[in-house]
Amino acid sequence: MFIFSFKFNYKKAILFLSIIVLVLFLGISLMEDTREVNIFNVSDKSNLYNFTNIKTNKDRVNFLKQFGWDVEEQPIEIMEVQIPQEFDEVYKNYNEIQKEVGLDLEKYKGKRVKRYTYRVLNHPSGKDVEVRANILIYKNRVIAGDIMTTAIDGFMNSLLYKI
């Protein structure tokens, strides 16, 4: 049979609790520093936005709002598109636009995806130009997107809000 006894020492208990609180505080602050570095890493902006679980029209509209875009509630076009197996110059340039937000179409070569097109309501170019937002979705995940106009002298940009 063993009998244990100890004398409670308030100074040691306070010191022990202080060390535990300090270790927890340091651990939390280090985790936050690491998270901030990952979020603001220029080469990986995909951590800033939610590209997954895009199942409904409301999800798609909210996805575009993450980038600051106000769009009409209903898409003006829904189309099935096949990403080519080999990229020509147009697709290579389009993929460079995607990389601005942390996306890459390389792993979706040959896949059939859905493209949803929305009319943008708050583009800084004004009401004289019709601006559209396109998003390409594969298995409830946005794999590409752009902001563009159909004008002859138009533009195509990444989803990032540009003024």
C-alpha atoms as a PDB file:
ATOM      1  CA  MET A   1       0.000   0.000   0.000  1.00  0.00           C
ATOM      2  CA  PHE A   2       1.284   3.447  -0.929  1.00  0.00           C
ATOM      3  CA  ILE A   3       0.357   6.722   0.632  1.00  0.00           C
ATOM      4  CA  PHE A   4       1.115  10.010  -1.060  1.00  0.00           C
ATOM      5  CA  SER A   5       1.004  13.333   0.639  1.00  0.00           C
ATOM      6  CA  PHE A   6       1.976  16.774  -0.478  1.00  0.00           C
ATOM      7  CA  LYS A   7       1.891  20.274   0.839  1.00  0.00           C
ATOM      8  CA  PHE A   8       0.178  22.813  -1.409  1.00  0.00           C
ATOM      9  CA  ASN A   9       2.504  25.704  -2.190  1.00  0.00           C
ATOM     10  CA  TYR A  10       0.706  28.796  -3.584  1.00  0.00           C
ATOM     11  CA  LYS A  11       3.885  30.342  -5.018  1.00  0.00           C
ATOM     12  CA  LYS A  12       4.711  27.208  -7.014  1.00  0.00           C
ATOM     13  CA  ALA A  13       1.092  26.834  -8.174  1.00  0.00           C
ATOM     14  CA  ILE A  14       0.964  30.444  -9.399  1.00  0.00           C
ATOM     15  CA  LEU A  15       4.316  30.035 -11.134  1.00  0.00           C
ATOM     16  CA  PHE A  16       3.137  26.805 -12.779  1.00  0.00           C
ATOM     17  CA  LEU A  17      -0.151  28.394 -13.996  1.00  0.00           C
ATOM     18  CA  SER A  18       1.737  31.455 -15.251  1.00  0.00           C
ATOM     19  CA  ILE A  19       4.047  29.252 -17.309  1.00  0.00           C
ATOM     20  CA  ILE A  20       1.073  27.389 -18.800  1.00  0.00           C
ATOM     21  CA  VAL A  21      -0.677  30.674 -19.720  1.00  0.00           C
ATOM     22  CA  LEU A  22       2.540  32.020 -21.253  1.00  0.00           C
ATOM     23  CA  VAL A  23       3.071  28.864 -23.328  1.00  0.00           C
ATOM     24  CA  LEU A  24      -0.541  28.972 -24.552  1.00  0.00           C
ATOM     25  CA  PHE A  25      -0.269  32.678 -25.416  1.00  0.00           C
ATOM     26  CA  LEU A  26       2.976  32.125 -27.344  1.00  0.00           C
ATOM     27  CA  GLY A  27       1.533  29.129 -29.179  1.00  0.00           C
ATOM     28  CA  ILE A  28      -1.571  31.044 -30.255  1.00  0.00           C
ATOM     29  CA  SER A  29       0.410  34.080 -31.369  1.00  0.00           C
ATOM     30  CA  LEU A  30       2.788  31.888 -33.408  1.00  0.00           C
ATOM     31  CA  MET A  31      -0.162  30.165 -35.082  1.00  0.00           C
ATOM     32  CA  GLU A  32      -1.679  33.550 -36.005  1.00  0.00           C
ATOM     33  CA  ASP A  33       1.648  34.766 -37.413  1.00  0.00           C
ATOM     34  CA  THR A  34       1.924  31.636 -39.574  1.00  0.00           C
ATOM     35  CA  ARG A  35      -1.651  31.996 -40.804  1.00  0.00           C
ATOM     36  CA  GLU A  36      -1.083  35.631 -41.751  1.00  0.00           C
ATOM     37  CA  VAL A  37       2.037  34.748 -43.694  1.00  0.00           C
ATOM     38  CA  ASN A  38       0.138  32.094 -45.652  1.00  0.00           C
ATOM     39  CA  ILE A  39      -2.812  34.361 -46.380  1.00  0.00           C
ATOM     40  CA  PHE A  40      -0.732  37.238 -47.698  1.00  0.00           C
ATOM     41  CA  ASN A  41       1.728  35.095 -49.604  1.00  0.00           C
ATOM     42  CA  VAL A  42       1.611  36.580 -53.107  1.00  0.00           C
ATOM     43  CA  SER A  43       2.172  33.235 -54.797  1.00  0.00           C
ATOM     44  CA  ASP A  44      -0.880  31.589 -53.176  1.00  0.00           C
ATOM     45  CA  LYS A  45      -3.921  33.837 -53.067  1.00  0.00           C
ATOM     46  CA  SER A  46      -6.325  30.891 -53.139  1.00  0.00           C
ATOM     47  CA  ASN A  47      -6.361  30.938 -49.302  1.00  0.00           C
ATOM     48  CA  LEU A  48      -8.113  34.301 -49.385  1.00  0.00           C
ATOM     49  CA  TYR A  49     -11.254  33.072 -51.138  1.00  0.00           C
ATOM     50  CA  ASN A  50     -13.644  30.160 -50.909  1.00  0.00           C
ATOM     51  CA  PHE A  51     -13.651  28.220 -54.193  1.00  0.00           C
ATOM     52  CA  THR A  52     -15.436  25.072 -52.955  1.00  0.00           C
ATOM     53  CA  ASN A  53     -19.007  23.983 -52.180  1.00  0.00           C
ATOM     54  CA  ILE A  54     -20.429  26.154 -54.962  1.00  0.00           C
ATOM     55  CA  LYS A  55     -23.666  24.236 -55.561  1.00  0.00           C
ATOM     56  CA  THR A  56     -26.474  26.754 -56.017  1.00  0.00           C
ATOM     57  CA  ASN A  57     -27.043  30.024 -57.811  1.00  0.00           C
ATOM     58  CA  LYS A  58     -26.879  31.812 -54.466  1.00  0.00           C
ATOM     59  CA  ASP A  59     -23.458  30.214 -53.838  1.00  0.00           C
ATOM     60  CA  ARG A  60     -22.231  31.482 -57.223  1.00  0.00           C
ATOM     61  CA  VAL A  61     -23.480  35.032 -56.583  1.00  0.00           C
ATOM     62  CA  ASN A  62     -21.892  35.024 -53.112  1.00  0.00           C
ATOM     63  CA  PHE A  63     -18.677  33.684 -54.608  1.00  0.00           C
ATOM     64  CA  LEU A  64     -18.467  36.729 -56.903  1.00  0.00           C
ATOM     65  CA  LYS A  65     -19.257  39.038 -53.968  1.00  0.00           C
ATOM     66  CA  GLN A  66     -16.059  37.807 -52.261  1.00  0.00           C
ATOM     67  CA  PHE A  67     -14.201  39.717 -54.975  1.00  0.00           C
ATOM     68  CA  GLY A  68     -16.350  42.840 -54.635  1.00  0.00           C
ATOM     69  CA  TRP A  69     -18.618  42.214 -57.632  1.00  0.00           C
ATOM     70  CA  ASP A  70     -22.350  42.892 -57.550  1.00  0.00           C
ATOM     71  CA  VAL A  71     -24.096  40.855 -60.219  1.00  0.00           C
ATOM     72  CA  GLU A  72     -27.661  40.265 -61.350  1.00  0.00           C
ATOM     73  CA  GLU A  73     -29.249  37.454 -59.366  1.00  0.00           C
ATOM     74  CA  GLN A  74     -29.739  35.145 -62.359  1.00  0.00           C
ATOM     75  CA  PRO A  75     -27.068  34.158 -64.894  1.00  0.00           C
ATOM     76  CA  ILE A  76     -27.526  35.418 -68.428  1.00  0.00           C
ATOM     77  CA  GLU A  77     -25.915  32.264 -69.808  1.00  0.00           C
ATOM     78  CA  ILE A  78     -25.121  28.730 -68.649  1.00  0.00           C
ATOM     79  CA  MET A  79     -22.980  26.657 -70.965  1.00  0.00           C
ATOM     80  CA  GLU A  80     -21.046  23.408 -70.872  1.00  0.00           C
ATOM     81  CA  VAL A  81     -17.425  23.891 -71.943  1.00  0.00           C
ATOM     82  CA  GLN A  82     -14.585  21.445 -72.461  1.00  0.00           C
ATOM     83  CA  ILE A  83     -11.132  22.508 -71.327  1.00  0.00           C
ATOM     84  CA  PRO A  84      -8.744  21.482 -74.142  1.00  0.00           C
ATOM     85  CA  GLN A  85      -6.109  18.778 -73.616  1.00  0.00           C
ATOM     86  CA  GLU A  86      -3.410  21.075 -75.019  1.00  0.00           C
ATOM     87  CA  PHE A  87      -3.447  24.818 -74.364  1.00  0.00           C
ATOM     88  CA  ASP A  88      -3.016  27.214 -77.275  1.00  0.00           C
ATOM     89  CA  GLU A  89      -1.839  30.798 -76.690  1.00  0.00           C
ATOM     90  CA  VAL A  90      -5.375  31.945 -75.769  1.00  0.00           C
ATOM     91  CA  TYR A  91      -5.720  29.327 -73.028  1.00  0.00           C
ATOM     92  CA  LYS A  92      -2.170  29.925 -71.823  1.00  0.00           C
ATOM     93  CA  ASN A  93      -2.965  33.638 -71.431  1.00  0.00           C
ATOM     94  CA  TYR A  94      -6.305  32.820 -69.795  1.00  0.00           C
ATOM     95  CA  ASN A  95      -4.545  30.522 -67.330  1.00  0.00           C
ATOM     96  CA  GLU A  96      -2.127  33.344 -66.428  1.00  0.00           C
ATOM     97  CA  ILE A  97      -5.178  35.447 -65.499  1.00  0.00           C
ATOM     98  CA  GLN A  98      -6.370  32.599 -63.258  1.00  0.00           C
ATOM     99  CA  LYS A  99      -3.052  32.421 -61.462  1.00  0.00           C
ATOM    100  CA  GLU A 100      -3.620  35.995 -60.185  1.00  0.00           C
ATOM    101  CA  VAL A 101      -6.194  34.555 -57.745  1.00  0.00           C
ATOM    102  CA  GLY A 102      -4.415  31.266 -57.057  1.00  0.00           C
ATOM    103  CA  LEU A 103      -6.172  29.078 -59.639  1.00  0.00           C
ATOM    104  CA  ASP A 104      -4.596  26.888 -62.315  1.00  0.00           C
ATOM    105  CA  LEU A 105      -6.414  25.162 -65.182  1.00  0.00           C
ATOM    106  CA  GLU A 106      -3.563  22.740 -65.931  1.00  0.00           C
ATOM    107  CA  LYS A 107      -5.053  19.927 -63.844  1.00  0.00           C
ATOM    108  CA  TYR A 108      -8.457  20.286 -65.556  1.00  0.00           C
ATOM    109  CA  LYS A 109      -7.256  19.674 -69.119  1.00  0.00           C
ATOM    110  CA  GLY A 110      -9.811  17.594 -71.023  1.00  0.00           C
ATOM    111  CA  LYS A 111     -12.542  18.042 -68.378  1.00  0.00           C
ATOM    112  CA  ARG A 112     -16.099  19.162 -69.170  1.00  0.00           C
ATOM    113  CA  VAL A 113     -17.119  22.072 -66.951  1.00  0.00           C
ATOM    114  CA  LYS A 114     -20.030  24.486 -66.639  1.00  0.00           C
ATOM    115  CA  ARG A 115     -19.584  28.166 -67.346  1.00  0.00           C
ATOM    116  CA  TYR A 116     -21.966  30.592 -65.658  1.00  0.00           C
ATOM    117  CA  THR A 117     -22.101  34.158 -66.957  1.00  0.00           C
ATOM    118  CA  TYR A 118     -23.526  37.029 -64.901  1.00  0.00           C
ATOM    119  CA  ARG A 119     -24.044  40.688 -65.702  1.00  0.00           C
ATOM    120  CA  VAL A 120     -21.837  42.857 -63.458  1.00  0.00           C
ATOM    121  CA  LEU A 121     -23.627  45.862 -61.946  1.00  0.00           C
ATOM    122  CA  ASN A 122     -20.793  47.733 -60.225  1.00  0.00           C
ATOM    123  CA  HIS A 123     -17.858  47.802 -62.654  1.00  0.00           C
ATOM    124  CA  PRO A 124     -16.050  51.173 -62.568  1.00  0.00           C
ATOM    125  CA  SER A 125     -16.165  51.485 -66.365  1.00  0.00           C
ATOM    126  CA  GLY A 126     -19.735  52.734 -66.027  1.00  0.00           C
ATOM    127  CA  LYS A 127     -23.059  51.863 -67.595  1.00  0.00           C
ATOM    128  CA  ASP A 128     -21.932  52.473 -71.198  1.00  0.00           C
ATOM    129  CA  VAL A 129     -20.187  49.082 -71.317  1.00  0.00           C
ATOM    130  CA  GLU A 130     -21.803  45.764 -70.505  1.00  0.00           C
ATOM    131  CA  VAL A 131     -19.442  43.911 -68.170  1.00  0.00           C
ATOM    132  CA  ARG A 132     -19.791  40.211 -67.475  1.00  0.00           C
ATOM    133  CA  ALA A 133     -18.454  37.831 -64.876  1.00  0.00           C
ATOM    134  CA  ASN A 134     -17.723  34.256 -65.952  1.00  0.00           C
ATOM    135  CA  ILE A 135     -17.034  31.403 -63.583  1.00  0.00           C
ATOM    136  CA  LEU A 136     -16.126  27.853 -64.566  1.00  0.00           C
ATOM    137  CA  ILE A 137     -17.228  25.138 -62.157  1.00  0.00           C
ATOM    138  CA  TYR A 138     -16.104  21.522 -61.946  1.00  0.00           C
ATOM    139  CA  LYS A 139     -17.620  19.278 -59.260  1.00  0.00           C
ATOM    140  CA  ASN A 140     -18.901  22.190 -57.095  1.00  0.00           C
ATOM    141  CA  ARG A 141     -15.532  23.955 -57.254  1.00  0.00           C
ATOM    142  CA  VAL A 142     -14.720  27.167 -59.084  1.00  0.00           C
ATOM    143  CA  ILE A 143     -11.702  26.406 -61.256  1.00  0.00           C
ATOM    144  CA  ALA A 144     -11.574  29.664 -63.248  1.00  0.00           C
ATOM    145  CA  GLY A 145     -13.224  33.033 -63.572  1.00  0.00           C
ATOM    146  CA  ASP A 146     -12.908  36.367 -65.276  1.00  0.00           C
ATOM    147  CA  ILE A 147     -14.392  39.829 -65.621  1.00  0.00           C
ATOM    148  CA  MET A 148     -14.793  40.879 -69.231  1.00  0.00           C
ATOM    149  CA  THR A 149     -16.708  42.844 -71.786  1.00  0.00           C
ATOM    150  CA  THR A 150     -17.943  41.769 -75.201  1.00  0.00           C
ATOM    151  CA  ALA A 151     -16.995  45.090 -76.813  1.00  0.00           C
ATOM    152  CA  ILE A 152     -14.554  44.957 -79.741  1.00  0.00           C
ATOM    153  CA  ASP A 153     -12.009  47.046 -77.821  1.00  0.00           C
ATOM    154  CA  GLY A 154     -12.953  45.307 -74.580  1.00  0.00           C
ATOM    155  CA  PHE A 155     -10.970  43.750 -71.767  1.00  0.00           C
ATOM    156  CA  MET A 156     -10.637  40.572 -69.770  1.00  0.00           C
ATOM    157  CA  ASN A 157      -9.297  40.602 -66.224  1.00  0.00           C
ATOM    158  CA  SER A 158      -9.069  38.227 -63.310  1.00  0.00           C
ATOM    159  CA  LEU A 159     -11.807  38.188 -60.694  1.00  0.00           C
ATOM    160  CA  LEU A 160      -9.836  40.618 -58.552  1.00  0.00           C
ATOM    161  CA  TYR A 161     -11.651  43.953 -58.296  1.00  0.00           C
ATOM    162  CA  LYS A 162      -9.768  46.543 -60.279  1.00  0.00           C
ATOM    163  CA  ILE A 163     -10.566  50.248 -60.378  1.00  0.00           C
END
